[in-house]
């Protein structure tokens, strides 16, 4: 079991670091260009992956989530507080009323 973990943990770490590296925006990468980081992670899986995780990418301060308005992104809103969602419900309701009017005003209810 330990032999399998000694192989799988570095492999998983290097796969994670490589995918994180290639999916990170160029503006968020520090110290070296993105292709050089990707090559470092591929050629030296353990050292390159740990280096990428520690020093390769700009990190957000703890407690500032992108869904809380940090980083210039839109703030997440619950569906019942989202005016656009509530408007779309009203449109669906109007469509249902129009369908009822066309079918004689009554729906077949069980």
Protein backbone atom coordinates (compact mmCIF):
# COMPACT_ATOMS: atom_id res chain seq x y z
CA UNK A 1 0.00 0.00 0.00
CA UNK A 2 2.82 2.40 0.87
CA UNK A 3 4.48 1.73 -2.48
CA UNK A 4 1.29 2.67 -4.29
CA UNK A 5 0.95 5.89 -2.29
CA UNK A 6 4.57 6.79 -2.95
CA UNK A 7 3.74 6.67 -6.65
CA UNK A 8 0.20 8.09 -6.68
CA UNK A 9 0.70 11.13 -4.43
CA UNK A 10 3.49 12.73 -6.54
CA UNK A 11 1.60 11.83 -9.71
CA UNK A 12 -1.60 13.44 -8.48
CA UNK A 13 0.33 16.48 -7.27
CA UNK A 14 2.07 16.94 -10.61
CA UNK A 15 -1.18 16.49 -12.58
CA UNK A 16 -2.91 19.06 -10.35
CA UNK A 17 0.01 21.51 -10.64
CA UNK A 18 0.21 21.13 -14.43
CA UNK A 19 -3.53 21.67 -14.95
CA UNK A 20 -3.50 24.60 -12.53
CA UNK A 21 -0.51 26.09 -14.36
CA UNK A 22 -1.99 25.88 -17.85
CA UNK A 23 -5.40 27.15 -16.71
CA UNK A 24 -4.05 30.16 -14.82
CA UNK A 25 -4.21 33.55 -16.53
CA UNK A 26 -0.86 34.99 -17.61
CA UNK A 27 -1.39 38.03 -15.38
CA UNK A 28 -1.64 35.82 -12.27
CA UNK A 29 1.67 33.99 -12.83
CA UNK A 30 4.77 35.12 -10.95
CA UNK A 31 8.54 34.86 -11.50
CA UNK A 32 8.62 32.97 -14.85
CA UNK A 33 6.52 32.70 -18.02
CA UNK A 34 3.75 30.09 -18.12
CA UNK A 35 5.47 27.73 -20.64
CA UNK A 36 8.58 27.61 -18.46
CA UNK A 37 6.49 26.74 -15.40
CA UNK A 38 4.71 23.99 -17.34
CA UNK A 39 8.03 22.52 -18.51
CA UNK A 40 9.40 22.67 -14.95
CA UNK A 41 6.35 20.81 -13.62
CA UNK A 42 6.61 18.15 -16.34
CA UNK A 43 10.38 17.59 -16.16
CA UNK A 44 10.69 17.66 -12.37
CA UNK A 45 7.31 16.45 -11.14
CA UNK A 46 7.80 16.66 -7.38
CA UNK A 47 10.05 19.72 -7.14
CA UNK A 48 8.33 21.54 -10.01
CA UNK A 49 4.85 20.92 -8.60
CA UNK A 50 5.76 22.09 -5.13
CA UNK A 51 7.53 25.15 -6.59
CA UNK A 52 4.46 26.01 -8.66
CA UNK A 53 2.13 25.68 -5.70
CA UNK A 54 4.33 27.80 -3.43
CA UNK A 55 5.74 30.45 -5.75
CA UNK A 56 4.21 30.24 -9.20
CA UNK A 57 0.83 31.83 -8.82
CA UNK A 58 -0.56 34.92 -7.15
CA UNK A 59 -2.77 33.76 -4.31
CA UNK A 60 -5.81 35.45 -2.80
CA UNK A 61 -5.62 36.44 0.84
CA UNK A 62 -7.38 34.04 3.17
CA UNK A 63 -11.06 34.85 3.60
CA UNK A 64 -11.53 36.69 0.30
CA UNK A 65 -13.57 34.46 -1.93
CA UNK A 66 -14.27 35.38 -5.57
CA UNK A 67 -17.96 34.85 -4.81
CA UNK A 68 -17.90 37.55 -2.11
CA UNK A 69 -17.06 40.29 -4.54
CA UNK A 70 -13.27 39.98 -4.30
CA UNK A 71 -11.05 40.15 -7.34
CA UNK A 72 -13.44 42.25 -9.42
CA UNK A 73 -15.87 39.39 -10.02
CA UNK A 74 -19.63 39.45 -9.62
CA UNK A 75 -20.98 38.77 -6.19
CA UNK A 76 -22.90 35.52 -5.79
CA UNK A 77 -26.58 35.99 -4.96
CA UNK A 78 -29.02 33.36 -3.74
CA UNK A 79 -31.79 32.62 -6.28
CA UNK A 80 -34.54 34.04 -4.08
CA UNK A 81 -32.59 37.33 -3.80
CA UNK A 82 -31.65 37.53 -7.47
CA UNK A 83 -33.94 39.98 -9.30
CA UNK A 84 -33.13 38.48 -12.73
CA UNK A 85 -34.15 35.02 -11.54
CA UNK A 86 -37.36 36.34 -10.00
CA UNK A 87 -38.22 38.16 -13.24
CA UNK A 88 -37.70 34.93 -15.19
CA UNK A 89 -40.17 33.21 -12.86
CA UNK A 90 -42.72 35.91 -13.64
CA UNK A 91 -42.25 35.36 -17.37
CA UNK A 92 -42.80 31.63 -16.95
CA UNK A 93 -45.96 32.33 -14.95
CA UNK A 94 -47.28 34.62 -17.69
CA UNK A 95 -46.57 31.94 -20.26
CA UNK A 96 -48.50 29.38 -18.19
CA UNK A 97 -51.47 31.79 -17.93
CA UNK A 98 -51.44 32.28 -21.70
CA UNK A 99 -51.47 28.50 -22.18
CA UNK A 100 -54.42 28.20 -19.79
CA UNK A 101 -56.36 30.90 -21.66
CA UNK A 102 -55.84 29.11 -24.96
CA UNK A 103 -56.95 25.77 -23.56
CA UNK A 104 -60.21 27.07 -22.11
CA UNK A 105 -59.05 28.49 -18.81
CA UNK A 106 -58.83 25.21 -16.93
CA UNK A 107 -56.10 22.74 -16.41
CA UNK A 108 -56.60 19.06 -15.94
CA UNK A 109 -55.86 18.50 -12.29
CA UNK A 110 -55.66 15.06 -10.71
